[in-house]
């Protein structure tokens, strides 16, 4: 269990509190239009998002991890290669859906933070899609288990994420979008109504 600012030592309790706090903070990001001035597709923007979402929970919020981590049998980018990997990701093109998904997959492989990569990176992805393609992901139509399995396989085969799981829909105007930061639990955001590079 990760040390946290809330001094919670029960993993279920921490997960519940973390979900509530990060959803509240995500709403604040959009409601206060805090993302509108940030450059899309950069690690600096992802760090900002992560810090904002998790600052009340972890001391390491917004900070690049300094230890090697894995999920199941998959090891994320080793710390000794992490900064060069993030610099390369920043340079990757993001003009087409294929390029954006490839960039998203590479950021997932890098997994730059000790915890909270998925929630932060999904917001980061939607910001790129909105700017470049005028579209966002309807996370409610993405099956959690299929998504996680595809992300696990994505370093070898990112076509699954692109074709099967990331359903990109034209943005409705003057409506709000439902973002699903927890892959199964909804929260309301103003991503669609914000004027991020539209």
Protein backbone atom coordinates (compact mmCIF):
# COMPACT_ATOMS: atom_id res chain seq x y z
CA UNK A 1 0.00 0.00 0.00
CA UNK A 2 1.32 3.42 -0.98
CA UNK A 3 1.97 6.01 1.70
CA UNK A 4 -0.59 8.77 1.38
CA UNK A 5 -1.22 12.22 2.83
CA UNK A 6 -4.54 11.05 4.25
CA UNK A 7 -2.86 8.42 6.45
CA UNK A 8 -5.28 5.78 5.22
CA UNK A 9 -3.91 2.27 5.66
CA UNK A 10 -6.82 0.31 4.22
CA UNK A 11 -6.58 -0.21 0.45
CA UNK A 12 -10.36 -0.34 -0.14
CA UNK A 13 -10.93 2.83 1.84
CA UNK A 14 -8.09 4.57 0.00
CA UNK A 15 -9.49 3.50 -3.38
CA UNK A 16 -12.92 4.94 -2.50
CA UNK A 17 -11.53 8.21 -1.17
CA UNK A 18 -9.15 8.50 -4.12
CA UNK A 19 -12.00 8.04 -6.58
CA UNK A 20 -14.11 10.74 -4.92
CA UNK A 21 -11.26 13.24 -4.69
CA UNK A 22 -9.98 12.74 -8.23
CA UNK A 23 -13.45 13.00 -9.75
CA UNK A 24 -14.07 16.22 -7.84
CA UNK A 25 -10.69 17.57 -8.95
CA UNK A 26 -11.30 16.54 -12.57
CA UNK A 27 -14.58 18.46 -12.57
CA UNK A 28 -12.74 21.46 -11.20
CA UNK A 29 -10.17 21.22 -14.01
CA UNK A 30 -12.93 21.53 -16.57
CA UNK A 31 -15.30 23.87 -14.73
CA UNK A 32 -12.55 26.41 -14.11
CA UNK A 33 -11.22 25.94 -17.68
CA UNK A 34 -7.76 25.22 -16.31
CA UNK A 35 -6.74 23.05 -19.26
CA UNK A 36 -7.39 25.62 -21.96
CA UNK A 37 -3.98 27.26 -21.76
CA UNK A 38 -1.95 24.05 -21.68
CA UNK A 39 -0.14 22.60 -24.68
CA UNK A 40 -1.77 19.32 -25.67
CA UNK A 41 0.23 16.13 -26.01
CA UNK A 42 3.14 17.13 -23.78
CA UNK A 43 4.44 15.51 -20.64
CA UNK A 44 4.30 18.91 -18.92
CA UNK A 45 0.54 18.94 -19.43
CA UNK A 46 0.22 15.37 -18.16
CA UNK A 47 2.25 16.30 -15.06
CA UNK A 48 -0.06 19.25 -14.45
CA UNK A 49 -3.15 17.04 -14.72
CA UNK A 50 -1.66 14.38 -12.43
CA UNK A 51 -0.57 16.90 -9.81
CA UNK A 52 -3.96 18.56 -9.79
CA UNK A 53 -5.86 15.27 -9.48
CA UNK A 54 -3.66 13.61 -6.84
CA UNK A 55 -2.03 16.44 -4.84
CA UNK A 56 -4.37 15.99 -1.87
CA UNK A 57 -3.53 12.27 -1.78
CA UNK A 58 0.15 11.72 -2.62
CA UNK A 59 3.39 13.64 -2.09
CA UNK A 60 4.57 12.38 -5.48
CA UNK A 61 1.66 13.95 -7.40
CA UNK A 62 2.96 15.42 -10.66
CA UNK A 63 6.44 13.99 -10.11
CA UNK A 64 8.14 11.45 -12.34
CA UNK A 65 8.53 8.14 -10.52
CA UNK A 66 11.98 7.16 -9.23
CA UNK A 67 11.45 3.42 -9.01
CA UNK A 68 10.74 0.63 -11.47
CA UNK A 69 7.15 -0.61 -11.55
CA UNK A 70 5.21 -3.44 -13.17
CA UNK A 71 1.63 -4.59 -13.54
CA UNK A 72 1.22 -8.33 -13.71
CA UNK A 73 3.98 -9.60 -15.97
CA UNK A 74 4.44 -6.29 -17.77
CA UNK A 75 7.27 -3.99 -16.72
CA UNK A 76 6.85 -0.32 -17.53
CA UNK A 77 9.75 1.76 -18.83
CA UNK A 78 12.71 1.39 -16.44
CA UNK A 79 13.59 4.55 -14.49
CA UNK A 80 16.99 4.84 -16.18
CA UNK A 81 15.23 5.23 -19.58
CA UNK A 82 12.14 7.10 -18.42
CA UNK A 83 13.20 10.71 -19.06
CA UNK A 84 14.52 10.01 -22.59
CA UNK A 85 11.31 8.06 -23.32
CA UNK A 86 9.17 11.00 -22.18
CA UNK A 87 11.21 13.41 -24.32
CA UNK A 88 10.63 11.15 -27.34
CA UNK A 89 6.90 10.92 -26.61
CA UNK A 90 6.70 14.72 -26.55
CA UNK A 91 8.17 14.76 -30.08
CA UNK A 92 5.77 12.19 -31.50
CA UNK A 93 3.29 13.51 -34.08
CA UNK A 94 -0.39 13.76 -33.16
CA UNK A 95 -2.15 14.69 -36.39
CA UNK A 96 -4.14 11.52 -37.08
CA UNK A 97 -6.03 9.04 -34.93
CA UNK A 98 -3.33 6.43 -35.51
CA UNK A 99 -0.58 8.84 -34.41
CA UNK A 100 -2.54 9.92 -31.33
CA UNK A 101 -3.25 6.34 -30.26
CA UNK A 102 0.41 5.42 -30.78
CA UNK A 103 1.43 8.37 -28.58
CA UNK A 104 -1.13 7.34 -25.94
CA UNK A 105 0.16 3.76 -25.96
CA UNK A 106 3.76 4.96 -25.58
CA UNK A 107 2.76 7.12 -22.60
CA UNK A 108 1.06 4.08 -21.07
CA UNK A 109 4.25 2.03 -21.55
CA UNK A 110 6.25 4.83 -19.91
CA UNK A 111 3.83 5.00 -16.95
CA UNK A 112 5.62 8.07 -15.59
CA UNK A 113 3.93 8.22 -12.18
CA UNK A 114 3.94 5.81 -9.26
CA UNK A 115 0.12 5.75 -9.21
CA UNK A 116 -2.73 7.44 -11.11
CA UNK A 117 -1.41 7.08 -14.65
CA UNK A 118 -4.68 5.85 -16.19
CA UNK A 119 -6.95 8.61 -14.89
CA UNK A 120 -4.51 11.36 -15.82
CA UNK A 121 -3.63 9.93 -19.21
CA UNK A 122 -7.25 9.51 -20.30
CA UNK A 123 -7.86 13.23 -19.75
CA UNK A 124 -4.57 13.94 -21.59
CA UNK A 125 -5.71 11.74 -24.50
CA UNK A 126 -9.09 13.44 -24.78
CA UNK A 127 -7.42 16.85 -24.85
CA UNK A 128 -5.25 15.75 -27.78
CA UNK A 129 -8.21 14.24 -29.64
CA UNK A 130 -10.29 17.35 -29.08
CA UNK A 131 -7.58 19.68 -30.37
CA UNK A 132 -6.40 17.63 -33.33
CA UNK A 133 -9.53 15.80 -34.50
CA UNK A 134 -12.36 17.72 -32.82
CA UNK A 135 -13.47 14.45 -31.20
CA UNK A 136 -13.30 12.78 -27.80
CA UNK A 137 -13.66 9.24 -26.48
CA UNK A 138 -17.01 8.17 -25.08
CA UNK A 139 -15.50 6.23 -22.18
CA UNK A 140 -18.93 4.89 -21.22
CA UNK A 141 -18.94 2.75 -24.36
CA UNK A 142 -15.54 1.25 -23.61
CA UNK A 143 -15.70 -2.09 -21.80
CA UNK A 144 -13.36 -1.91 -18.79
CA UNK A 145 -12.03 -5.47 -19.07
CA UNK A 146 -11.48 -5.27 -22.83
CA UNK A 147 -9.81 -1.88 -22.45
CA UNK A 148 -7.41 -3.05 -19.72
CA UNK A 149 -6.54 -6.19 -21.68
CA UNK A 150 -5.93 -4.18 -24.84
CA UNK A 151 -3.76 -1.68 -22.93
CA UNK A 152 -1.76 -4.58 -21.53
CA UNK A 153 -1.15 -5.87 -25.06
CA UNK A 154 -0.77 -2.41 -26.62
CA UNK A 155 3.05 -2.29 -26.63
CA UNK A 156 2.96 -5.20 -29.07
CA UNK A 157 -0.34 -4.53 -30.81
CA UNK A 158 -1.82 -1.04 -30.49
CA UNK A 159 -4.32 -1.70 -33.29
CA UNK A 160 -6.71 -3.20 -30.69
CA UNK A 161 -6.88 0.07 -28.81
CA UNK A 162 -7.35 1.97 -32.03
CA UNK A 163 -9.95 -0.22 -33.73
CA UNK A 164 -11.77 -2.09 -31.01
CA UNK A 165 -11.80 0.00 -27.85
CA UNK A 166 -11.25 3.69 -28.41
CA UNK A 167 -14.55 4.70 -29.94
CA UNK A 168 -14.10 8.25 -31.13
CA UNK A 169 -17.31 10.12 -31.77
CA UNK A 170 -17.92 13.54 -33.27
CA UNK A 171 -18.30 16.06 -30.50
CA UNK A 172 -21.79 17.27 -29.78
CA UNK A 173 -21.95 21.04 -29.47
CA UNK A 174 -23.41 22.78 -26.43
CA UNK A 175 -23.63 19.54 -24.52
CA UNK A 176 -21.55 18.03 -21.80
CA UNK A 177 -19.61 14.84 -22.13
CA UNK A 178 -19.49 11.97 -19.72
CA UNK A 179 -15.90 11.04 -19.02
CA UNK A 180 -15.24 7.78 -17.30
CA UNK A 181 -12.02 8.14 -15.38
CA UNK A 182 -12.55 4.93 -13.51
CA UNK A 183 -13.54 2.85 -16.55
CA UNK A 184 -16.94 2.00 -15.19
CA UNK A 185 -17.93 4.90 -12.98
CA UNK A 186 -19.28 8.05 -14.57
CA UNK A 187 -18.72 11.63 -13.77
CA UNK A 188 -19.83 14.75 -15.56
CA UNK A 189 -17.34 17.17 -17.09
CA UNK A 190 -17.36 20.22 -19.26
CA UNK A 191 -14.72 18.99 -21.67
CA UNK A 192 -17.01 19.49 -24.63
CA UNK A 193 -18.00 23.00 -23.59
CA UNK A 194 -14.45 24.14 -22.93
CA UNK A 195 -12.91 25.96 -25.84
CA UNK A 196 -9.67 24.00 -25.92
CA UNK A 197 -8.20 24.78 -29.31
CA UNK A 198 -11.55 24.55 -31.12
